[in-house]
Structures are given as C-alpha cells and as structure tokens.
Amino acid sequence: MRIALCQMTASTDPKENLAIVQDQVRRAAREEARLAVLPEAAMVRFGAALGQVAEPLDGPWAEGVRAVARETGVTVVAGMFTPADDGRVTNTLLATGPGVEEFYDKIHLYDAFGFRESDAVAPGKRVVTIDVDGVRVGLATCYDLRFPELFRAHADAGATVSVLPAAWAAGPGKRAQWDLLVRARALDATVWLAAVNQAAPDPQADPEAPTKAPTGVGHSALIGPDGTVRGQLGDRPDLLVGDVDTEETARVRRAVAVLDNRSL
C-alpha cells in the first residue's frame, strides 16, 4: 500500500487549512497513494480558540475532507477538533475514504513541558483501527507516541501499520526525542509507522526554543517495522510518499517475536 505523508503548517483559519488539506490529498492521488495522512490540528493550529472553531463530524470542515476523499478515491486521515460533552473539545482524527468512515479521539493528552492540553481538550477512550485496501491501520495522535502500549494494542487488533498525526512541540531535545520515539514505537509493535508532523511555522526559528503552544517541528517520517527510517522530510511543508510492504511486517515478526514473547 502506498502512503502519502502530507506535512503542512496550519493557521488559525479552518477554511484556509481545508484548502491546503485538499491540495495535499490531490497531490497524494497524483502519486498513486491510497492513504493520505495529514497532521494533528490540520483544521486549526494549537494556540487558537479551539472551542470557537470546533465542529461536529458532520460539519462543513469534515465534509470538505470527505469531498476530496470521494473526488480522489484516497482514504484521508486528518486532525480536527470536535465539541465534547463537558464544554471542552476533543482532539479528533477523521478517517474517511472508500469503505472507511471512522474517528479517533486522542487518548493521551499533552499535559507536559508547561502545556496543559487537558484544560481545553477531553480525552478519548477507544483504540481505533481502520482497513485500507485490506491493510489494517491503527490511529494515534502526537503525545500518544510516548505510550508504547497503544501501538501494541494496534498490533493486537491486527494492524501492520500505525499512523501518527502530530503537532510536536519545539523545545530542548524535542526533535531528537521525536526521531527516537518514532523508531522505538515501530520496533515495540513491529509495525510500519507513518508519523506526520506539522511543519515548523518558522523554519528560521531555533527548534530548541520552546513555544507557547505545540505547532510542529516537521521531520515527518516513514519507519519500517524493523525500526529503520525509510523516508523523512525536513522542517518545511512537503509530501513524502512511501510503499508499505505488509509481508515485511510478517517477516520481522517471525524474526523478532516481541508481541508473542510478552510476559506482562
């Protein structure tokens, strides 16, 4: 299966961001991708008034994503914000495309490094997988990357691929942690991992300098089930297309049976 990792910089304008998402999906379709993955918060960047722009899954922003999925025949995973029952929002991945209509609400909220996502965002509770052209794909979001049990849950549910839209915050050591963790999570669960970050809003800024809100540092990456980097972008908006071989996942799992060898 061919996957497109669509790295973009979201603004505070959902309509502007929807146009970028649609353009990226069309580019992915021209590259014959079957799955296009956009970052977390593709609808609107962190730092905006999320409660004022959140929309339900049948709202105009999600419908705009569905429209480009229908137009291209590509399954799309993109980050948005939906209203929660308690007055907060949920940090939601919309997954839509041929035979696919699902959503994942981020389970692990980014209450770290001086930022409290949970002040505005309610946590999700479900582990979610989708099937794209017969390939099972697990859904995760950004801070979920620090919790290996979620990716093992994807594998236990039959996934050979996990996707991770993110808006990974800048700060001391954060880029190095991103590179380490995307490889580690692929190894933990012996899955392909498509980690799609927001591009750096200012490529000239120091990535070691923390920002008030997580807005991305780029370097989206496709990682093989053996933990090797198969492709990686820089810090600017771009598109990375890679082919996922599910038979390789099976070969790696036979050689390094970490899922079968678990004792806890």
C-alpha atoms as a PDB file:
ATOM      1  CA  MET A   1       0.000   0.000   0.000  1.00  0.00           C
ATOM      2  CA  ARG A   2       1.269   3.429  -0.893  1.00  0.00           C
ATOM      3  CA  ILE A   3       1.036   6.076   1.849  1.00  0.00           C
ATOM      4  CA  ALA A   4       1.454   9.839   1.485  1.00  0.00           C
ATOM      5  CA  LEU A   5       2.750  11.763   4.496  1.00  0.00           C
ATOM      6  CA  CYS A   6       1.406  15.275   3.990  1.00  0.00           C
ATOM      7  CA  GLN A   7       3.396  17.771   6.071  1.00  0.00           C
ATOM      8  CA  MET A   8       1.751  21.200   6.332  1.00  0.00           C
ATOM      9  CA  THR A   9       1.635  24.280   8.542  1.00  0.00           C
ATOM     10  CA  ALA A  10      -1.850  25.012   9.832  1.00  0.00           C
ATOM     11  CA  SER A  11      -3.033  28.549  10.524  1.00  0.00           C
ATOM     12  CA  THR A  12      -5.896  29.788  12.705  1.00  0.00           C
ATOM     13  CA  ASP A  13      -8.281  29.770   9.692  1.00  0.00           C
ATOM     14  CA  PRO A  14     -10.075  26.417   9.158  1.00  0.00           C
ATOM     15  CA  LYS A  15     -11.128  27.322   5.603  1.00  0.00           C
ATOM     16  CA  GLU A  16      -7.559  28.141   4.630  1.00  0.00           C
ATOM     17  CA  ASN A  17      -6.360  24.911   6.200  1.00  0.00           C
ATOM     18  CA  LEU A  18      -9.042  22.866   4.439  1.00  0.00           C
ATOM     19  CA  ALA A  19      -7.800  24.186   1.090  1.00  0.00           C
ATOM     20  CA  ILE A  20      -4.258  23.074   2.000  1.00  0.00           C
ATOM     21  CA  VAL A  21      -5.521  19.632   3.045  1.00  0.00           C
ATOM     22  CA  GLN A  22      -7.428  19.226  -0.212  1.00  0.00           C
ATOM     23  CA  ASP A  23      -4.410  20.275  -2.249  1.00  0.00           C
ATOM     24  CA  GLN A  24      -2.182  17.810  -0.410  1.00  0.00           C
ATOM     25  CA  VAL A  25      -4.652  14.954  -0.939  1.00  0.00           C
ATOM     26  CA  ARG A  26      -4.824  15.721  -4.654  1.00  0.00           C
ATOM     27  CA  ARG A  27      -1.022  15.658  -4.796  1.00  0.00           C
ATOM     28  CA  ALA A  28      -1.081  12.326  -2.987  1.00  0.00           C
ATOM     29  CA  ALA A  29      -3.568  10.959  -5.519  1.00  0.00           C
ATOM     30  CA  ARG A  30      -1.318  12.009  -8.400  1.00  0.00           C
ATOM     31  CA  GLU A  31       1.439   9.972  -6.725  1.00  0.00           C
ATOM     32  CA  GLU A  32      -0.987   6.991  -6.625  1.00  0.00           C
ATOM     33  CA  ALA A  33      -1.188   6.924  -2.832  1.00  0.00           C
ATOM     34  CA  ARG A  34      -4.090   5.004  -1.340  1.00  0.00           C
ATOM     35  CA  LEU A  35      -3.809   6.614   2.104  1.00  0.00           C
ATOM     36  CA  ALA A  36      -3.028  10.289   2.768  1.00  0.00           C
ATOM     37  CA  VAL A  37      -2.157  11.292   6.325  1.00  0.00           C
ATOM     38  CA  LEU A  38      -2.318  14.932   7.458  1.00  0.00           C
ATOM     39  CA  PRO A  39      -1.052  16.282  10.801  1.00  0.00           C
ATOM     40  CA  GLU A  40      -2.794  16.680  14.123  1.00  0.00           C
ATOM     41  CA  ALA A  41      -4.641  20.020  14.283  1.00  0.00           C
ATOM     42  CA  ALA A  42      -4.770  20.281  10.489  1.00  0.00           C
ATOM     43  CA  MET A  43      -8.126  22.009  10.950  1.00  0.00           C
ATOM     44  CA  VAL A  44      -6.686  24.784  13.125  1.00  0.00           C
ATOM     45  CA  ARG A  45      -3.383  25.098  14.950  1.00  0.00           C
ATOM     46  CA  PHE A  46      -2.939  24.970  18.704  1.00  0.00           C
ATOM     47  CA  GLY A  47      -2.984  28.416  20.276  1.00  0.00           C
ATOM     48  CA  ALA A  48      -6.265  29.302  18.570  1.00  0.00           C
ATOM     49  CA  ALA A  49      -9.559  29.435  20.483  1.00  0.00           C
ATOM     50  CA  LEU A  50     -10.376  25.768  19.895  1.00  0.00           C
ATOM     51  CA  GLY A  51     -13.853  25.898  21.426  1.00  0.00           C
ATOM     52  CA  GLN A  52     -14.902  28.605  18.992  1.00  0.00           C
ATOM     53  CA  VAL A  53     -13.861  26.707  15.860  1.00  0.00           C
ATOM     54  CA  ALA A  54     -14.589  23.070  16.819  1.00  0.00           C
ATOM     55  CA  GLU A  55     -17.155  21.398  14.573  1.00  0.00           C
ATOM     56  CA  PRO A  56     -19.028  18.091  14.706  1.00  0.00           C
ATOM     57  CA  LEU A  57     -18.002  15.233  12.444  1.00  0.00           C
ATOM     58  CA  ASP A  58     -20.846  16.124  10.071  1.00  0.00           C
ATOM     59  CA  GLY A  59     -19.849  19.803   9.964  1.00  0.00           C
ATOM     60  CA  PRO A  60     -18.517  21.708   6.950  1.00  0.00           C
ATOM     61  CA  TRP A  61     -14.809  21.116   7.627  1.00  0.00           C
ATOM     62  CA  ALA A  62     -15.163  17.348   7.856  1.00  0.00           C
ATOM     63  CA  GLU A  63     -17.471  17.363   4.845  1.00  0.00           C
ATOM     64  CA  GLY A  64     -14.792  19.192   2.906  1.00  0.00           C
ATOM     65  CA  VAL A  65     -12.319  16.427   3.741  1.00  0.00           C
ATOM     66  CA  ARG A  66     -14.864  13.785   2.726  1.00  0.00           C
ATOM     67  CA  ALA A  67     -15.409  15.603  -0.560  1.00  0.00           C
ATOM     68  CA  VAL A  68     -11.747  15.411  -1.581  1.00  0.00           C
ATOM     69  CA  ALA A  69     -11.595  11.767  -0.450  1.00  0.00           C
ATOM     70  CA  ARG A  70     -14.540  10.988  -2.756  1.00  0.00           C
ATOM     71  CA  GLU A  71     -13.047  13.037  -5.578  1.00  0.00           C
ATOM     72  CA  THR A  72      -9.682  11.259  -5.464  1.00  0.00           C
ATOM     73  CA  GLY A  73     -10.615   7.818  -4.158  1.00  0.00           C
ATOM     74  CA  VAL A  74      -7.926   8.226  -1.473  1.00  0.00           C
ATOM     75  CA  THR A  75      -8.537   7.446   2.205  1.00  0.00           C
ATOM     76  CA  VAL A  76      -7.683  10.521   4.275  1.00  0.00           C
ATOM     77  CA  VAL A  77      -6.702  10.810   7.949  1.00  0.00           C
ATOM     78  CA  ALA A  78      -6.646  14.403   9.216  1.00  0.00           C
ATOM     79  CA  GLY A  79      -6.634  16.082  12.622  1.00  0.00           C
ATOM     80  CA  MET A  80      -9.535  18.298  13.696  1.00  0.00           C
ATOM     81  CA  PHE A  81     -11.350  19.404  16.854  1.00  0.00           C
ATOM     82  CA  THR A  82     -14.896  18.362  17.724  1.00  0.00           C
ATOM     83  CA  PRO A  83     -17.145  19.541  20.589  1.00  0.00           C
ATOM     84  CA  ALA A  84     -17.012  17.441  23.775  1.00  0.00           C
ATOM     85  CA  ASP A  85     -19.931  16.903  26.147  1.00  0.00           C
ATOM     86  CA  ASP A  86     -18.309  18.788  29.040  1.00  0.00           C
ATOM     87  CA  GLY A  87     -17.709  22.084  27.228  1.00  0.00           C
ATOM     88  CA  ARG A  88     -14.191  21.204  26.124  1.00  0.00           C
ATOM     89  CA  VAL A  89     -13.290  19.853  22.680  1.00  0.00           C
ATOM     90  CA  THR A  90     -11.878  16.508  21.590  1.00  0.00           C
ATOM     91  CA  ASN A  91      -8.673  16.225  19.573  1.00  0.00           C
ATOM     92  CA  THR A  92     -10.043  14.049  16.787  1.00  0.00           C
ATOM     93  CA  LEU A  93      -8.658  12.227  13.780  1.00  0.00           C
ATOM     94  CA  LEU A  94     -11.173  11.953  10.971  1.00  0.00           C
ATOM     95  CA  ALA A  95     -10.607   8.896   8.775  1.00  0.00           C
ATOM     96  CA  THR A  96     -12.646   8.851   5.599  1.00  0.00           C
ATOM     97  CA  GLY A  97     -12.438   7.275   2.166  1.00  0.00           C
ATOM     98  CA  PRO A  98     -13.602   4.298   0.124  1.00  0.00           C
ATOM     99  CA  GLY A  99     -15.326   1.979   2.612  1.00  0.00           C
ATOM    100  CA  VAL A 100     -13.856   3.934   5.563  1.00  0.00           C
ATOM    101  CA  GLU A 101     -15.719   6.240   7.934  1.00  0.00           C
ATOM    102  CA  GLU A 102     -14.223   6.366  11.425  1.00  0.00           C
ATOM    103  CA  PHE A 103     -12.767   8.715  14.026  1.00  0.00           C
ATOM    104  CA  TYR A 104     -10.222   8.527  16.818  1.00  0.00           C
ATOM    105  CA  ASP A 105     -10.175  10.849  19.829  1.00  0.00           C
ATOM    106  CA  LYS A 106      -6.680  11.353  21.269  1.00  0.00           C
ATOM    107  CA  ILE A 107      -6.309   9.308  24.446  1.00  0.00           C
ATOM    108  CA  HIS A 108      -3.115  10.724  25.961  1.00  0.00           C
ATOM    109  CA  LEU A 109      -3.316  14.489  26.370  1.00  0.00           C
ATOM    110  CA  TYR A 110      -0.235  16.713  26.304  1.00  0.00           C
ATOM    111  CA  ASP A 111      -0.007  17.838  29.922  1.00  0.00           C
ATOM    112  CA  ALA A 112       3.763  18.199  29.798  1.00  0.00           C
ATOM    113  CA  PHE A 113       6.592  20.693  29.333  1.00  0.00           C
ATOM    114  CA  GLY A 114       4.451  23.504  30.769  1.00  0.00           C
ATOM    115  CA  PHE A 115       1.468  22.968  28.440  1.00  0.00           C
ATOM    116  CA  ARG A 116      -1.905  21.574  29.590  1.00  0.00           C
ATOM    117  CA  GLU A 117      -3.900  20.228  26.679  1.00  0.00           C
ATOM    118  CA  SER A 118      -6.478  18.800  29.098  1.00  0.00           C
ATOM    119  CA  ASP A 119      -7.588  22.305  30.091  1.00  0.00           C
ATOM    120  CA  ALA A 120      -9.285  22.627  26.703  1.00  0.00           C
ATOM    121  CA  VAL A 121      -9.413  19.035  25.422  1.00  0.00           C
ATOM    122  CA  ALA A 122     -11.260  15.979  26.745  1.00  0.00           C
ATOM    123  CA  PRO A 123      -9.507  12.592  26.374  1.00  0.00           C
ATOM    124  CA  GLY A 124     -10.678   9.779  24.160  1.00  0.00           C
ATOM    125  CA  LYS A 125     -11.112   6.198  25.332  1.00  0.00           C
ATOM    126  CA  ARG A 126     -11.174   3.937  22.248  1.00  0.00           C
ATOM    127  CA  VAL A 127      -8.363   2.155  20.432  1.00  0.00           C
ATOM    128  CA  VAL A 128      -9.247   2.558  16.756  1.00  0.00           C
ATOM    129  CA  THR A 129      -8.130   0.769  13.592  1.00  0.00           C
ATOM    130  CA  ILE A 130      -9.322   1.082  10.004  1.00  0.00           C
ATOM    131  CA  ASP A 131      -8.922  -1.129   6.930  1.00  0.00           C
ATOM    132  CA  VAL A 132      -7.496   0.421   3.759  1.00  0.00           C
ATOM    133  CA  ASP A 133      -7.255  -1.860   0.735  1.00  0.00           C
ATOM    134  CA  GLY A 134      -7.148  -4.873   3.029  1.00  0.00           C
ATOM    135  CA  VAL A 135      -4.423  -3.389   5.262  1.00  0.00           C
ATOM    136  CA  ARG A 136      -5.314  -2.743   8.895  1.00  0.00           C
ATOM    137  CA  VAL A 137      -4.102   0.648  10.128  1.00  0.00           C
ATOM    138  CA  GLY A 138      -4.018   1.879  13.735  1.00  0.00           C
ATOM    139  CA  LEU A 139      -4.690   5.523  14.607  1.00  0.00           C
ATOM    140  CA  ALA A 140      -2.713   7.531  17.171  1.00  0.00           C
ATOM    141  CA  THR A 141      -2.004  11.210  17.791  1.00  0.00           C
ATOM    142  CA  CYS A 142       1.154  13.095  18.840  1.00  0.00           C
ATOM    143  CA  TYR A 143       1.669  12.628  22.627  1.00  0.00           C
ATOM    144  CA  ASP A 144       0.355   9.057  22.213  1.00  0.00           C
ATOM    145  CA  LEU A 145       3.846   8.431  20.814  1.00  0.00           C
ATOM    146  CA  ARG A 146       5.214   8.230  24.364  1.00  0.00           C
ATOM    147  CA  PHE A 147       2.929   5.300  25.255  1.00  0.00           C
ATOM    148  CA  PRO A 148       4.036   2.040  23.601  1.00  0.00           C
ATOM    149  CA  GLU A 149       1.019   0.097  24.841  1.00  0.00           C
ATOM    150  CA  LEU A 150      -1.248   1.882  22.358  1.00  0.00           C
ATOM    151  CA  PHE A 151       0.817   0.753  19.380  1.00  0.00           C
ATOM    152  CA  ARG A 152       0.920  -2.798  20.728  1.00  0.00           C
ATOM    153  CA  ALA A 153      -2.875  -2.577  21.004  1.00  0.00           C
ATOM    154  CA  HIS A 154      -2.953  -1.697  17.293  1.00  0.00           C
ATOM    155  CA  ALA A 155      -0.896  -4.797  16.548  1.00  0.00           C
ATOM    156  CA  ASP A 156      -3.113  -6.940  18.780  1.00  0.00           C
ATOM    157  CA  ALA A 157      -6.086  -5.687  16.748  1.00  0.00           C
ATOM    158  CA  GLY A 158      -4.407  -6.895  13.557  1.00  0.00           C
ATOM    159  CA  ALA A 159      -2.715  -3.700  12.415  1.00  0.00           C
ATOM    160  CA  THR A 160       0.504  -3.898  10.411  1.00  0.00           C
ATOM    161  CA  VAL A 161       0.660  -0.102  10.049  1.00  0.00           C
ATOM    162  CA  SER A 162       0.132   2.727  12.554  1.00  0.00           C
ATOM    163  CA  VAL A 163      -0.302   6.373  11.597  1.00  0.00           C
ATOM    164  CA  LEU A 164       0.578   9.224  13.939  1.00  0.00           C
ATOM    165  CA  PRO A 165      -0.546  12.743  13.013  1.00  0.00           C
ATOM    166  CA  ALA A 166       1.248  15.206  15.289  1.00  0.00           C
ATOM    167  CA  ALA A 167       1.968  18.812  16.181  1.00  0.00           C
ATOM    168  CA  TRP A 168       5.173  18.008  18.060  1.00  0.00           C
ATOM    169  CA  ALA A 169       6.274  20.918  20.206  1.00  0.00           C
ATOM    170  CA  ALA A 170       9.643  22.591  19.847  1.00  0.00           C
ATOM    171  CA  GLY A 171      11.988  22.770  22.807  1.00  0.00           C
ATOM    172  CA  PRO A 172      15.264  21.445  24.213  1.00  0.00           C
ATOM    173  CA  GLY A 173      15.845  17.939  22.914  1.00  0.00           C
ATOM    174  CA  LYS A 174      12.361  17.616  21.445  1.00  0.00           C
ATOM    175  CA  ARG A 175      13.427  16.983  17.842  1.00  0.00           C
ATOM    176  CA  ALA A 176      15.837  14.266  18.999  1.00  0.00           C
ATOM    177  CA  GLN A 177      13.059  12.703  21.086  1.00  0.00           C
ATOM    178  CA  TRP A 178      10.767  12.678  18.035  1.00  0.00           C
ATOM    179  CA  ASP A 179      13.347  10.833  15.946  1.00  0.00           C
ATOM    180  CA  LEU A 180      13.988   8.329  18.748  1.00  0.00           C
ATOM    181  CA  LEU A 181      10.377   7.670  19.656  1.00  0.00           C
ATOM    182  CA  VAL A 182       9.008   7.152  16.136  1.00  0.00           C
ATOM    183  CA  ARG A 183      11.610   4.428  15.623  1.00  0.00           C
ATOM    184  CA  ALA A 184      11.038   2.915  19.063  1.00  0.00           C
ATOM    185  CA  ARG A 185       7.269   2.658  18.628  1.00  0.00           C
ATOM    186  CA  ALA A 186       7.674   0.883  15.283  1.00  0.00           C
ATOM    187  CA  LEU A 187      10.009  -1.591  16.994  1.00  0.00           C
ATOM    188  CA  ASP A 188       7.775  -2.018  20.072  1.00  0.00           C
ATOM    189  CA  ALA A 189       4.856  -3.217  17.988  1.00  0.00           C
ATOM    190  CA  THR A 190       6.702  -4.335  14.814  1.00  0.00           C
ATOM    191  CA  VAL A 191       4.513  -2.075  12.687  1.00  0.00           C
ATOM    192  CA  TRP A 192       5.155   0.362   9.901  1.00  0.00           C
ATOM    193  CA  LEU A 193       4.793   3.839  11.400  1.00  0.00           C
ATOM    194  CA  ALA A 194       3.803   6.867   9.351  1.00  0.00           C
ATOM    195  CA  ALA A 195       4.484   9.833  11.657  1.00  0.00           C
ATOM    196  CA  VAL A 196       3.177  13.071  10.114  1.00  0.00           C
ATOM    197  CA  ASN A 197       4.119  16.266  11.909  1.00  0.00           C
ATOM    198  CA  GLN A 198       3.122  19.866  11.390  1.00  0.00           C
ATOM    199  CA  ALA A 199       5.853  21.718   9.542  1.00  0.00           C
ATOM    200  CA  ALA A 200       7.768  24.289  11.553  1.00  0.00           C
ATOM    201  CA  PRO A 201       5.822  27.580  11.375  1.00  0.00           C
ATOM    202  CA  ASP A 202       9.127  29.463  11.154  1.00  0.00           C
ATOM    203  CA  PRO A 203      11.926  27.325   9.655  1.00  0.00           C
ATOM    204  CA  GLN A 204      14.433  30.002  10.715  1.00  0.00           C
ATOM    205  CA  ALA A 205      13.486  29.703  14.391  1.00  0.00           C
ATOM    206  CA  ASP A 206      15.571  27.686  16.827  1.00  0.00           C
ATOM    207  CA  PRO A 207      13.860  24.267  17.239  1.00  0.00           C
ATOM    208  CA  GLU A 208      15.392  24.027  20.718  1.00  0.00           C
ATOM    209  CA  ALA A 209      13.475  27.134  21.852  1.00  0.00           C
ATOM    210  CA  PRO A 210      10.124  26.188  23.441  1.00  0.00           C
ATOM    211  CA  THR A 211       6.935  27.750  22.073  1.00  0.00           C
ATOM    212  CA  LYS A 212       3.745  28.713  23.912  1.00  0.00           C
ATOM    213  CA  ALA A 213       1.737  26.060  22.035  1.00  0.00           C
ATOM    214  CA  PRO A 214       2.759  22.929  20.122  1.00  0.00           C
ATOM    215  CA  THR A 215       2.944  23.990  16.484  1.00  0.00           C
ATOM    216  CA  GLY A 216       5.280  21.365  14.998  1.00  0.00           C
ATOM    217  CA  VAL A 217       8.926  20.896  14.087  1.00  0.00           C
ATOM    218  CA  GLY A 218       8.475  18.945  10.841  1.00  0.00           C
ATOM    219  CA  HIS A 219      10.617  15.886  10.051  1.00  0.00           C
ATOM    220  CA  SER A 220       7.693  13.596   9.294  1.00  0.00           C
ATOM    221  CA  ALA A 221       8.979  10.070   8.801  1.00  0.00           C
ATOM    222  CA  LEU A 222       8.031   6.657   7.483  1.00  0.00           C
ATOM    223  CA  ILE A 223       9.555   3.957   9.680  1.00  0.00           C
ATOM    224  CA  GLY A 224       9.781   0.269   8.827  1.00  0.00           C
ATOM    225  CA  PRO A 225       8.733  -2.479  11.262  1.00  0.00           C
ATOM    226  CA  ASP A 226      12.427  -3.093  11.982  1.00  0.00           C
ATOM    227  CA  GLY A 227      12.811   0.485  13.223  1.00  0.00           C
ATOM    228  CA  THR A 228      14.710   1.796  10.194  1.00  0.00           C
ATOM    229  CA  VAL A 229      13.911   5.147   8.620  1.00  0.00           C
ATOM    230  CA  ARG A 230      12.556   4.588   5.108  1.00  0.00           C
ATOM    231  CA  GLY A 231      11.994   8.257   4.335  1.00  0.00           C
ATOM    232  CA  GLN A 232      11.971  11.588   6.169  1.00  0.00           C
ATOM    233  CA  LEU A 233      11.114  15.193   5.386  1.00  0.00           C
ATOM    234  CA  GLY A 234      12.756  18.404   6.572  1.00  0.00           C
ATOM    235  CA  ASP A 235      11.079  21.175   8.544  1.00  0.00           C
ATOM    236  CA  ARG A 236       9.083  22.798   5.697  1.00  0.00           C
ATOM    237  CA  PRO A 237       5.720  21.843   4.151  1.00  0.00           C
ATOM    238  CA  ASP A 238       6.239  18.885   1.830  1.00  0.00           C
ATOM    239  CA  LEU A 239       4.944  15.486   0.719  1.00  0.00           C
ATOM    240  CA  LEU A 240       6.601  12.113   1.318  1.00  0.00           C
ATOM    241  CA  VAL A 241       5.269   9.046  -0.488  1.00  0.00           C
ATOM    242  CA  GLY A 242       6.312   5.547   0.523  1.00  0.00           C
ATOM    243  CA  ASP A 243       5.267   1.959  -0.147  1.00  0.00           C
ATOM    244  CA  VAL A 244       4.349  -0.236   2.802  1.00  0.00           C
ATOM    245  CA  ASP A 245       5.026  -3.961   2.442  1.00  0.00           C
ATOM    246  CA  THR A 246       2.854  -5.864   4.906  1.00  0.00           C
ATOM    247  CA  GLU A 247       4.767  -9.060   4.145  1.00  0.00           C
ATOM    248  CA  GLU A 248       7.823  -7.366   5.610  1.00  0.00           C
ATOM    249  CA  THR A 249       5.879  -6.868   8.822  1.00  0.00           C
ATOM    250  CA  ALA A 250       5.208 -10.606   8.927  1.00  0.00           C
ATOM    251  CA  ARG A 251       8.887 -11.393   8.303  1.00  0.00           C
ATOM    252  CA  VAL A 252      10.040  -9.060  11.072  1.00  0.00           C
ATOM    253  CA  ARG A 253       7.506 -10.518  13.499  1.00  0.00           C
ATOM    254  CA  ARG A 254       8.789 -14.020  12.796  1.00  0.00           C
ATOM    255  CA  ALA A 255      12.380 -12.912  13.365  1.00  0.00           C
ATOM    256  CA  VAL A 256      11.756 -10.715  16.443  1.00  0.00           C
ATOM    257  CA  ALA A 257       8.614 -12.024  18.095  1.00  0.00           C
ATOM    258  CA  VAL A 258       8.293  -9.317  20.745  1.00  0.00           C
ATOM    259  CA  LEU A 259       4.497  -9.468  20.613  1.00  0.00           C
ATOM    260  CA  ASP A 260       4.457 -13.223  21.218  1.00  0.00           C
ATOM    261  CA  ASN A 261       7.244 -13.093  23.818  1.00  0.00           C
ATOM    262  CA  ARG A 262       5.482 -10.636  26.126  1.00  0.00           C
ATOM    263  CA  SER A 263       5.070 -11.868  29.696  1.00  0.00           C
ATOM    264  CA  LEU A 264       3.060  -8.914  31.052  1.00  0.00           C
END
